[in-house]
Amino acid sequence: MKIIFGFVIFYCISLFCTKGENSNSTQQTNRFDIMRDKMVEQQIQSRGVKDKRVLDALRKIPRHKFVPKYLESQAYSDDPLPIGAGQTISQPYIVAYMTEQLELQGNERVLEIGTGSGYQAAVLAELCDSVYSVEIIPELSMNAQKVLDEMGYDNVHLKIGDGFRGWAEKAPFDAIIVTAAPTEIPDALVAQLKVGGRMIIPVGDFFQELYLVIKTEKGIEKHRKLPVRFVPMRGESETDE
């Protein structure tokens, strides 16, 4: 009788603890949902981003899963955050703005240079057919792969390599997004962009400008968009440019 009574007490305590943990998890999820909605409304829509598909992707994707655990509470602030190896996850507004500039319709093949945390790749994955993302820092690529796999993004393909060289085997691309700043637009990326394709890229050293590049039959059109601040683009071929 004592054994049965003890088991009942243990079961009740376990059940109570499990319910408590589930409740805390639900509250945490709800809190992040509210923060994410506020982020889109106050940081992105209010500053002119209008593409509904982009806004919906930003509302859906849990940005807090792409930052270190100790920074989860800051994941929805309008700030870049460190993700390790001297790299950052871009502020939400810049992610939204750059993505909108690509004018994705849903059937595109997109090249991303600088996988970083994987967050931008997840946003793109919601908006196009397939994403090919190149990252020069192995640990970042592996961490991003883990998170993207956990979230079920099977249309994102990652490669550890030199972003200056792009991903020639998978070219041409309908769109290219670059999330680190070279001092000049790499010729290899222009070559891998389809005619009619769009590339959004920060360019510069200390002072940087965000450019929209449109490839035409005659060459490229460059449209200056915003002053920005990105980490420098790394790669062995940088000295060859």
Protein backbone atom coordinates (compact mmCIF):
# COMPACT_ATOMS: atom_id res chain seq x y z
CA MET A 1 0.00 0.00 0.00
CA LYS A 2 2.85 2.36 0.82
CA ILE A 3 4.46 1.62 -2.57
CA ILE A 4 1.22 2.37 -4.43
CA PHE A 5 0.65 5.55 -2.44
CA GLY A 6 4.22 6.68 -3.12
CA PHE A 7 3.80 6.03 -6.83
CA VAL A 8 0.60 8.10 -6.91
CA ILE A 9 2.38 11.03 -5.23
CA PHE A 10 5.33 10.74 -7.64
CA TYR A 11 2.97 10.58 -10.64
CA CYS A 12 1.04 13.64 -9.50
CA ILE A 13 4.23 15.63 -8.92
CA SER A 14 5.56 14.60 -12.34
CA LEU A 15 2.29 15.52 -14.01
CA PHE A 16 2.25 18.90 -12.27
CA CYS A 17 5.85 19.62 -13.31
CA THR A 18 5.17 18.59 -16.92
CA LYS A 19 2.13 20.85 -17.09
CA GLY A 20 4.18 23.66 -15.63
CA GLU A 21 6.93 23.19 -18.21
CA ASN A 22 4.41 23.06 -21.06
CA SER A 23 2.73 26.19 -19.76
CA ASN A 24 6.04 28.05 -19.57
CA SER A 25 6.93 26.92 -23.09
CA THR A 26 3.56 28.10 -24.42
CA GLN A 27 3.93 31.45 -22.68
CA GLN A 28 7.43 31.83 -24.15
CA THR A 29 6.14 31.02 -27.64
CA ASN A 30 3.28 33.48 -27.29
CA ARG A 31 5.69 36.16 -26.08
CA PHE A 32 7.94 35.69 -29.12
CA ASP A 33 4.89 35.75 -31.44
CA ILE A 34 3.85 39.10 -30.01
CA MET A 35 7.39 40.47 -30.29
CA ARG A 36 7.62 39.30 -33.89
CA ASP A 37 4.33 40.95 -34.88
CA LYS A 38 5.45 44.17 -33.23
CA MET A 39 8.80 43.96 -35.04
CA VAL A 40 7.10 43.74 -38.43
CA GLU A 41 4.64 46.53 -37.68
CA GLN A 42 6.96 49.01 -36.00
CA GLN A 43 10.35 48.36 -37.62
CA ILE A 44 9.50 47.21 -41.13
CA GLN A 45 6.05 48.26 -42.35
CA SER A 46 6.36 51.69 -40.77
CA ARG A 47 9.59 52.27 -42.73
CA GLY A 48 8.12 51.52 -46.13
CA VAL A 49 8.45 47.79 -46.80
CA LYS A 50 5.19 46.82 -48.51
CA ASP A 51 5.62 43.40 -50.12
CA LYS A 52 3.02 41.24 -48.35
CA ARG A 53 4.92 38.01 -48.97
CA VAL A 54 8.05 39.45 -47.38
CA LEU A 55 6.09 40.75 -44.39
CA ASP A 56 4.37 37.39 -43.93
CA ALA A 57 7.72 35.58 -44.00
CA LEU A 58 9.12 37.90 -41.33
CA ARG A 59 6.02 37.30 -39.19
CA LYS A 60 6.35 33.53 -39.55
CA ILE A 61 10.05 32.85 -39.01
CA PRO A 62 11.23 32.65 -35.36
CA ARG A 63 14.29 34.90 -35.51
CA HIS A 64 15.17 34.00 -31.91
CA LYS A 65 16.14 30.51 -33.08
CA PHE A 66 18.92 31.98 -35.23
CA VAL A 67 20.72 33.89 -32.48
CA PRO A 68 22.70 32.62 -29.47
CA LYS A 69 20.50 31.56 -26.56
CA TYR A 70 21.63 34.43 -24.35
CA LEU A 71 20.44 36.93 -26.99
CA GLU A 72 16.96 35.48 -27.55
CA SER A 73 15.28 38.34 -25.69
CA GLN A 74 16.90 40.81 -28.13
CA ALA A 75 16.09 38.85 -31.28
CA TYR A 76 13.25 41.15 -32.34
CA SER A 77 14.97 44.47 -31.71
CA ASP A 78 16.00 46.52 -34.74
CA ASP A 79 19.66 45.72 -34.31
CA PRO A 80 22.31 43.44 -35.78
CA LEU A 81 23.40 40.83 -33.22
CA PRO A 82 26.63 38.83 -32.88
CA ILE A 83 26.42 35.18 -33.96
CA GLY A 84 30.05 34.18 -33.39
CA ALA A 85 33.26 34.20 -35.46
CA GLY A 86 33.13 37.98 -35.64
CA GLN A 87 29.92 37.91 -37.71
CA THR A 88 26.42 39.29 -37.17
CA ILE A 89 22.81 38.64 -38.07
CA SER A 90 21.51 41.71 -39.91
CA GLN A 91 18.85 43.92 -38.37
CA PRO A 92 15.31 42.87 -39.38
CA TYR A 93 14.62 46.01 -41.41
CA ILE A 94 17.68 45.47 -43.61
CA VAL A 95 16.74 41.81 -44.15
CA ALA A 96 13.24 42.85 -45.20
CA TYR A 97 14.42 45.75 -47.37
CA MET A 98 17.05 43.74 -49.23
CA THR A 99 14.65 40.85 -49.76
CA GLU A 100 11.93 43.13 -51.12
CA GLN A 101 14.39 44.59 -53.66
CA LEU A 102 14.71 41.16 -55.30
CA GLU A 103 11.00 41.18 -56.22
CA LEU A 104 10.64 37.42 -55.77
CA GLN A 105 7.52 35.78 -57.16
CA GLY A 106 8.01 32.19 -55.97
CA ASN A 107 9.68 30.25 -58.79
CA GLU A 108 13.22 31.68 -58.59
CA ARG A 109 16.62 30.16 -57.88
CA VAL A 110 18.42 32.51 -55.51
CA LEU A 111 22.09 32.68 -54.56
CA GLU A 112 22.97 34.01 -51.13
CA ILE A 113 26.54 35.00 -50.31
CA GLY A 114 27.13 34.85 -46.56
CA THR A 115 24.89 32.25 -44.89
CA GLY A 116 25.73 33.53 -41.41
CA SER A 117 23.03 32.44 -38.98
CA GLY A 118 20.77 31.06 -41.73
CA TYR A 119 17.99 33.57 -41.02
CA GLN A 120 18.14 35.33 -44.39
CA ALA A 121 18.18 31.93 -46.12
CA ALA A 122 15.01 30.96 -44.23
CA VAL A 123 13.30 34.17 -45.34
CA LEU A 124 14.28 33.50 -48.95
CA ALA A 125 13.13 29.89 -48.67
CA GLU A 126 9.61 31.12 -47.92
CA LEU A 127 9.60 33.25 -51.07
CA CYS A 128 11.33 31.32 -53.87
CA ASP A 129 11.80 27.84 -55.27
CA SER A 130 15.35 27.18 -54.08
CA VAL A 131 18.15 28.90 -52.19
CA TYR A 132 21.87 28.25 -52.67
CA SER A 133 23.87 29.80 -49.87
CA VAL A 134 27.67 30.08 -49.58
CA GLU A 135 29.49 30.67 -46.29
CA ILE A 136 33.26 30.86 -45.85
CA ILE A 137 33.25 30.09 -42.09
CA PRO A 138 32.60 26.35 -41.55
CA GLU A 139 31.19 26.63 -38.01
CA LEU A 140 28.57 29.16 -39.10
CA SER A 141 27.52 27.05 -42.07
CA MET A 142 27.17 23.94 -39.90
CA ASN A 143 25.18 25.80 -37.22
CA ALA A 144 22.88 27.28 -39.86
CA GLN A 145 22.38 23.85 -41.45
CA LYS A 146 21.29 22.43 -38.10
CA VAL A 147 18.69 25.15 -37.47
CA LEU A 148 17.35 25.09 -41.04
CA ASP A 149 17.04 21.29 -40.91
CA GLU A 150 15.19 21.48 -37.60
CA MET A 151 12.76 23.94 -39.19
CA GLY A 152 12.22 21.73 -42.23
CA TYR A 153 13.67 23.93 -44.98
CA ASP A 154 14.56 21.34 -47.59
CA ASN A 155 14.83 23.90 -50.40
CA VAL A 156 17.93 25.54 -48.88
CA HIS A 157 21.31 24.19 -50.02
CA LEU A 158 24.44 25.24 -48.16
CA LYS A 159 28.06 25.24 -49.24
CA ILE A 160 31.27 26.13 -47.41
CA GLY A 161 33.31 28.19 -49.82
CA ASP A 162 34.55 31.52 -51.13
CA GLY A 163 31.67 33.88 -51.75
CA PHE A 164 33.66 35.87 -54.30
CA ARG A 165 33.44 32.83 -56.56
CA GLY A 166 29.71 32.30 -56.06
CA TRP A 167 28.36 28.83 -56.87
CA ALA A 168 29.11 28.37 -60.56
CA GLU A 169 27.85 24.76 -60.75
CA LYS A 170 24.34 25.90 -59.81
CA ALA A 171 24.27 29.06 -61.93
CA PRO A 172 22.59 30.93 -63.49
CA PHE A 173 20.50 32.51 -60.75
CA ASP A 174 17.37 34.65 -60.98
CA ALA A 175 18.51 36.71 -58.01
CA ILE A 176 21.56 37.15 -55.79
CA ILE A 177 21.75 38.62 -52.31
CA VAL A 178 25.08 39.43 -50.66
CA THR A 179 25.21 39.91 -46.89
CA ALA A 180 28.83 41.02 -46.52
CA ALA A 181 30.55 43.94 -48.20
CA PRO A 182 33.18 43.62 -50.94
CA THR A 183 34.99 46.77 -52.05
CA GLU A 184 33.77 46.18 -55.61
CA ILE A 185 31.01 44.09 -57.16
CA PRO A 186 32.58 40.67 -57.90
CA ASP A 187 32.66 39.82 -61.61
CA ALA A 188 31.93 36.15 -60.86
CA LEU A 189 28.60 37.05 -59.25
CA VAL A 190 27.59 39.22 -62.19
CA ALA A 191 28.45 36.34 -64.53
CA GLN A 192 26.23 33.95 -62.53
CA LEU A 193 23.20 36.28 -62.63
CA LYS A 194 20.62 35.69 -65.37
CA VAL A 195 19.85 38.46 -67.84
CA GLY A 196 16.95 40.28 -66.24
CA GLY A 197 18.08 39.10 -62.80
CA ARG A 198 18.51 41.30 -59.75
CA MET A 199 21.34 41.42 -57.23
CA ILE A 200 21.31 43.37 -53.96
CA ILE A 201 24.77 43.97 -52.52
CA PRO A 202 26.56 46.28 -50.06
CA VAL A 203 29.72 47.76 -51.55
CA GLY A 204 32.54 49.68 -49.92
CA ASP A 205 35.16 49.67 -47.21
CA PHE A 206 34.50 51.89 -44.18
CA PHE A 207 31.76 53.78 -46.02
CA GLN A 208 29.37 51.40 -47.73
CA GLU A 209 26.39 51.78 -50.03
CA LEU A 210 23.70 49.22 -50.78
CA TYR A 211 23.31 48.73 -54.54
CA LEU A 212 20.61 47.08 -56.59
CA VAL A 213 22.24 45.58 -59.69
CA ILE A 214 20.06 44.62 -62.67
CA LYS A 215 21.64 42.58 -65.44
CA THR A 216 20.66 43.49 -68.99
CA GLU A 217 21.69 42.32 -72.46
CA LYS A 218 24.10 45.27 -72.59
CA GLY A 219 25.65 44.88 -69.14
CA ILE A 220 24.54 45.93 -65.68
CA GLU A 221 22.55 48.81 -64.24
CA LYS A 222 23.56 49.95 -60.75
CA HIS A 223 21.08 51.73 -58.51
CA ARG A 224 22.31 53.20 -55.24
CA LYS A 225 19.83 52.52 -52.42
CA LEU A 226 21.01 53.07 -48.84
CA PRO A 227 24.09 53.81 -46.77
CA VAL A 228 24.75 50.61 -44.78
CA ARG A 229 27.29 48.94 -42.53
CA PHE A 230 28.10 45.27 -43.12
CA VAL A 231 31.02 43.08 -42.11
CA PRO A 232 33.69 42.91 -44.84
CA MET A 233 33.34 40.12 -47.38
CA ARG A 234 36.00 37.47 -46.87
CA GLY A 235 37.64 35.20 -49.40
CA GLU A 236 40.96 34.20 -50.92
CA SER A 237 39.92 35.49 -54.32
CA GLU A 238 39.38 39.00 -52.97
CA THR A 239 42.91 39.93 -54.01
CA ASP A 240 42.15 38.73 -57.55
CA GLU A 241 39.24 41.07 -58.08
